[in-house]
Amino acid sequence: MKKLSIAPKYDCIDMTDLATLVHEQIDWLSTGLADIRKEILSVKAELTNRDSNNQYKFSILEKKAEIFEYLAEDFKNIFDKEIAKYTAEIEEDSEGQA
């Protein structure tokens, strides 16, 4: 017997839930990245006090942390827009049914 492939159906509420979950996870990621960046600055300051040349050894690590923080913020903004889009669709649907 042949198996039929049926595509799952998702509505705006499902998509809002998904976008909200992703946004929350990215927010946690951003918090972790900010903490790592603070630790980098703390270690840099401590080692720079010992030898002023140490400050230059952290530039690549600082730049990478900055890039990842930027990407996380950009992803959060993308999902903010997705949440707003699906929420607006839900509101339109509920107004149309009233």
N, C-alpha and C. Protein backbone atom coordinates (compact mmCIF):
# COMPACT_ATOMS: atom_id res chain seq x y z
N MET A 1 0.84 -1.17 0.00
CA MET A 1 0.00 0.00 0.00
C MET A 1 0.89 1.24 0.00
N LYS A 2 0.51 2.24 -0.78
CA LYS A 2 1.26 3.49 -0.90
C LYS A 2 0.98 4.39 0.29
N LYS A 3 2.04 5.00 0.77
CA LYS A 3 1.87 6.00 1.82
C LYS A 3 1.62 7.35 1.17
N LEU A 4 0.63 8.04 1.65
CA LEU A 4 0.36 9.38 1.15
C LEU A 4 1.15 10.39 1.97
N SER A 5 1.76 11.29 1.28
CA SER A 5 2.49 12.35 1.97
C SER A 5 1.58 13.56 2.09
N ILE A 6 1.24 13.88 3.31
CA ILE A 6 0.36 15.03 3.55
C ILE A 6 1.18 16.12 4.22
N ALA A 7 1.20 17.25 3.60
CA ALA A 7 1.96 18.39 4.15
C ALA A 7 1.26 18.90 5.40
N PRO A 8 2.02 19.14 6.46
CA PRO A 8 1.41 19.70 7.66
C PRO A 8 0.93 21.13 7.42
N LYS A 9 -0.08 21.51 8.15
CA LYS A 9 -0.61 22.87 8.02
C LYS A 9 -0.31 23.64 9.31
N TYR A 10 0.14 24.86 9.12
CA TYR A 10 0.46 25.72 10.25
C TYR A 10 -0.35 27.00 10.10
N ASP A 11 -0.82 27.51 11.21
CA ASP A 11 -1.54 28.78 11.15
C ASP A 11 -0.69 29.87 11.78
N CYS A 12 -1.23 31.06 11.80
CA CYS A 12 -0.48 32.22 12.31
C CYS A 12 -0.14 32.07 13.79
N ILE A 13 -1.00 31.42 14.54
CA ILE A 13 -0.72 31.22 15.96
C ILE A 13 0.51 30.32 16.12
N ASP A 14 0.57 29.24 15.34
CA ASP A 14 1.74 28.35 15.38
C ASP A 14 3.01 29.11 15.02
N MET A 15 2.94 29.92 13.98
CA MET A 15 4.11 30.66 13.53
C MET A 15 4.52 31.74 14.54
N THR A 16 3.53 32.35 15.20
CA THR A 16 3.85 33.32 16.25
C THR A 16 4.56 32.63 17.40
N ASP A 17 4.06 31.46 17.79
CA ASP A 17 4.70 30.70 18.87
C ASP A 17 6.14 30.35 18.50
N LEU A 18 6.34 29.91 17.27
CA LEU A 18 7.68 29.55 16.82
C LEU A 18 8.61 30.76 16.82
N ALA A 19 8.15 31.86 16.26
CA ALA A 19 8.98 33.08 16.20
C ALA A 19 9.29 33.59 17.61
N THR A 20 8.33 33.49 18.51
CA THR A 20 8.54 33.93 19.89
C THR A 20 9.58 33.05 20.59
N LEU A 21 9.49 31.75 20.36
CA LEU A 21 10.46 30.83 20.95
C LEU A 21 11.87 31.11 20.44
N VAL A 22 12.00 31.29 19.14
CA VAL A 22 13.31 31.59 18.56
C VAL A 22 13.84 32.91 19.11
N HIS A 23 12.98 33.92 19.19
CA HIS A 23 13.39 35.22 19.73
C HIS A 23 13.90 35.07 21.16
N GLU A 24 13.20 34.29 21.96
CA GLU A 24 13.61 34.09 23.36
C GLU A 24 14.96 33.39 23.43
N GLN A 25 15.17 32.38 22.59
CA GLN A 25 16.44 31.67 22.58
C GLN A 25 17.59 32.59 22.15
N ILE A 26 17.34 33.42 21.17
CA ILE A 26 18.37 34.36 20.72
C ILE A 26 18.65 35.39 21.81
N ASP A 27 17.64 35.77 22.57
CA ASP A 27 17.83 36.69 23.68
C ASP A 27 18.75 36.08 24.73
N TRP A 28 18.55 34.80 25.03
CA TRP A 28 19.44 34.10 25.97
C TRP A 28 20.86 34.06 25.41
N LEU A 29 20.98 33.79 24.13
CA LEU A 29 22.29 33.76 23.48
C LEU A 29 22.97 35.12 23.59
N SER A 30 22.22 36.19 23.37
CA SER A 30 22.76 37.55 23.47
C SER A 30 23.28 37.83 24.88
N THR A 31 22.52 37.38 25.86
CA THR A 31 22.94 37.57 27.25
C THR A 31 24.26 36.84 27.52
N GLY A 32 24.36 35.61 27.03
CA GLY A 32 25.60 34.86 27.20
C GLY A 32 26.78 35.51 26.50
N LEU A 33 26.55 36.00 25.30
CA LEU A 33 27.62 36.68 24.56
C LEU A 33 28.07 37.95 25.26
N ALA A 34 27.12 38.69 25.82
CA ALA A 34 27.48 39.91 26.56
C ALA A 34 28.32 39.57 27.79
N ASP A 35 27.97 38.48 28.46
CA ASP A 35 28.76 38.04 29.62
C ASP A 35 30.17 37.63 29.21
N ILE A 36 30.27 36.91 28.10
CA ILE A 36 31.60 36.51 27.61
C ILE A 36 32.42 37.74 27.26
N ARG A 37 31.78 38.72 26.65
CA ARG A 37 32.50 39.94 26.27
C ARG A 37 33.02 40.67 27.52
N LYS A 38 32.20 40.72 28.57
CA LYS A 38 32.64 41.35 29.83
C LYS A 38 33.84 40.61 30.41
N GLU A 39 33.81 39.28 30.34
CA GLU A 39 34.93 38.49 30.85
C GLU A 39 36.20 38.74 30.03
N ILE A 40 36.03 38.86 28.72
CA ILE A 40 37.18 39.16 27.85
C ILE A 40 37.81 40.49 28.28
N LEU A 41 36.97 41.50 28.49
CA LEU A 41 37.48 42.81 28.90
C LEU A 41 38.14 42.76 30.27
N SER A 42 37.58 41.95 31.16
CA SER A 42 38.15 41.82 32.50
C SER A 42 39.53 41.16 32.45
N VAL A 43 39.63 40.06 31.71
CA VAL A 43 40.92 39.37 31.57
C VAL A 43 41.93 40.27 30.85
N LYS A 44 41.47 40.98 29.84
CA LYS A 44 42.35 41.89 29.10
C LYS A 44 42.91 42.96 30.04
N ALA A 45 42.04 43.55 30.86
CA ALA A 45 42.48 44.59 31.79
C ALA A 45 43.50 44.04 32.79
N GLU A 46 43.23 42.85 33.30
CA GLU A 46 44.14 42.24 34.27
C GLU A 46 45.51 41.96 33.65
N LEU A 47 45.50 41.39 32.45
CA LEU A 47 46.78 41.07 31.80
C LEU A 47 47.49 42.32 31.29
N THR A 48 46.74 43.34 30.92
CA THR A 48 47.35 44.59 30.47
C THR A 48 48.05 45.29 31.63
N ASN A 49 47.51 45.13 32.84
CA ASN A 49 48.17 45.70 34.02
C ASN A 49 49.55 45.06 34.23
N ARG A 50 49.68 43.80 33.87
CA ARG A 50 50.96 43.10 34.02
C ARG A 50 51.95 43.50 32.92
N ASP A 51 51.40 43.64 31.68
CA ASP A 51 52.25 43.99 30.54
C ASP A 51 51.37 44.71 29.53
N SER A 52 51.69 45.96 29.24
CA SER A 52 50.84 46.78 28.37
C SER A 52 50.71 46.21 26.95
N ASN A 53 51.65 45.37 26.54
CA ASN A 53 51.56 44.76 25.20
C ASN A 53 50.44 43.73 25.10
N ASN A 54 49.96 43.24 26.22
CA ASN A 54 48.90 42.23 26.21
C ASN A 54 47.59 42.75 25.64
N GLN A 55 47.38 44.07 25.71
CA GLN A 55 46.11 44.61 25.21
C GLN A 55 45.89 44.31 23.74
N TYR A 56 46.96 44.20 22.97
CA TYR A 56 46.84 43.98 21.53
C TYR A 56 46.51 42.52 21.19
N LYS A 57 46.75 41.64 22.13
CA LYS A 57 46.50 40.21 21.89
C LYS A 57 45.01 39.88 21.92
N PHE A 58 44.20 40.81 22.34
CA PHE A 58 42.76 40.54 22.48
C PHE A 58 41.92 41.11 21.34
N SER A 59 42.53 41.80 20.41
CA SER A 59 41.75 42.50 19.39
C SER A 59 40.91 41.54 18.53
N ILE A 60 41.46 40.41 18.14
CA ILE A 60 40.71 39.46 17.30
C ILE A 60 39.55 38.86 18.10
N LEU A 61 39.81 38.48 19.33
CA LEU A 61 38.77 37.91 20.18
C LEU A 61 37.66 38.92 20.45
N GLU A 62 38.03 40.17 20.70
CA GLU A 62 37.03 41.22 20.91
C GLU A 62 36.19 41.45 19.65
N LYS A 63 36.84 41.45 18.50
CA LYS A 63 36.13 41.66 17.23
C LYS A 63 35.15 40.52 16.97
N LYS A 64 35.56 39.28 17.24
CA LYS A 64 34.66 38.14 17.05
C LYS A 64 33.46 38.23 17.97
N ALA A 65 33.68 38.59 19.22
CA ALA A 65 32.57 38.75 20.17
C ALA A 65 31.62 39.84 19.69
N GLU A 66 32.17 40.92 19.18
CA GLU A 66 31.36 42.02 18.66
C GLU A 66 30.51 41.56 17.46
N ILE A 67 31.11 40.79 16.58
CA ILE A 67 30.38 40.29 15.40
C ILE A 67 29.23 39.39 15.83
N PHE A 68 29.49 38.47 16.76
CA PHE A 68 28.44 37.55 17.20
C PHE A 68 27.33 38.28 17.94
N GLU A 69 27.68 39.30 18.71
CA GLU A 69 26.65 40.11 19.38
C GLU A 69 25.79 40.84 18.34
N TYR A 70 26.43 41.36 17.31
CA TYR A 70 25.70 42.04 16.24
C TYR A 70 24.74 41.07 15.54
N LEU A 71 25.23 39.88 15.20
CA LEU A 71 24.39 38.89 14.53
C LEU A 71 23.20 38.49 15.39
N ALA A 72 23.43 38.28 16.67
CA ALA A 72 22.34 37.92 17.57
C ALA A 72 21.30 39.04 17.62
N GLU A 73 21.75 40.27 17.70
CA GLU A 73 20.82 41.41 17.72
C GLU A 73 20.05 41.51 16.41
N ASP A 74 20.73 41.27 15.30
CA ASP A 74 20.07 41.30 14.00
C ASP A 74 19.01 40.20 13.90
N PHE A 75 19.33 39.01 14.37
CA PHE A 75 18.35 37.91 14.36
C PHE A 75 17.15 38.24 15.24
N LYS A 76 17.40 38.86 16.39
CA LYS A 76 16.28 39.26 17.26
C LYS A 76 15.37 40.24 16.54
N ASN A 77 15.96 41.19 15.83
CA ASN A 77 15.16 42.17 15.09
C ASN A 77 14.33 41.50 13.99
N ILE A 78 14.92 40.52 13.32
CA ILE A 78 14.18 39.79 12.28
C ILE A 78 12.97 39.10 12.89
N PHE A 79 13.15 38.45 14.02
CA PHE A 79 12.04 37.72 14.63
C PHE A 79 11.05 38.65 15.31
N ASP A 80 11.49 39.85 15.72
CA ASP A 80 10.53 40.87 16.19
C ASP A 80 9.54 41.19 15.07
N LYS A 81 10.07 41.35 13.87
CA LYS A 81 9.22 41.66 12.71
C LYS A 81 8.29 40.49 12.39
N GLU A 82 8.80 39.27 12.47
CA GLU A 82 7.97 38.09 12.20
C GLU A 82 6.83 37.99 13.22
N ILE A 83 7.15 38.21 14.48
CA ILE A 83 6.13 38.16 15.53
C ILE A 83 5.06 39.21 15.26
N ALA A 84 5.48 40.42 14.92
CA ALA A 84 4.53 41.51 14.64
C ALA A 84 3.66 41.16 13.44
N LYS A 85 4.27 40.57 12.40
CA LYS A 85 3.52 40.21 11.19
C LYS A 85 2.45 39.17 11.51
N TYR A 86 2.83 38.11 12.21
CA TYR A 86 1.86 37.05 12.51
C TYR A 86 0.81 37.51 13.51
N THR A 87 1.20 38.35 14.45
CA THR A 87 0.23 38.89 15.41
C THR A 87 -0.81 39.74 14.69
N ALA A 88 -0.35 40.54 13.74
CA ALA A 88 -1.29 41.36 12.95
C ALA A 88 -2.25 40.48 12.16
N GLU A 89 -1.75 39.38 11.60
CA GLU A 89 -2.62 38.47 10.86
C GLU A 89 -3.65 37.82 11.78
N ILE A 90 -3.23 37.47 12.99
CA ILE A 90 -4.17 36.88 13.95
C ILE A 90 -5.26 37.88 14.29
N GLU A 91 -4.85 39.14 14.53
CA GLU A 91 -5.83 40.18 14.85
C GLU A 91 -6.79 40.43 13.69
N GLU A 92 -6.27 40.43 12.47
CA GLU A 92 -7.13 40.60 11.29
C GLU A 92 -8.13 39.46 11.18
N ASP A 93 -7.67 38.24 11.41
CA ASP A 93 -8.56 37.08 11.34
C ASP A 93 -9.65 37.14 12.40
N SER A 94 -9.26 37.56 13.62
CA SER A 94 -10.25 37.61 14.70
C SER A 94 -11.26 38.74 14.47
N GLU A 95 -10.82 39.85 13.86
CA GLU A 95 -11.74 40.94 13.55
C GLU A 95 -12.69 40.54 12.42
N GLY A 96 -12.19 39.76 11.48
CA GLY A 96 -13.01 39.32 10.36
C GLY A 96 -14.07 38.31 10.78
N GLN A 97 -13.81 37.59 11.86
CA GLN A 97 -14.76 36.60 12.34
C GLN A 97 -15.77 37.19 13.31
N ALA A 98 -15.49 38.37 13.80
CA ALA A 98 -16.40 38.99 14.79
C ALA A 98 -17.61 39.60 14.14
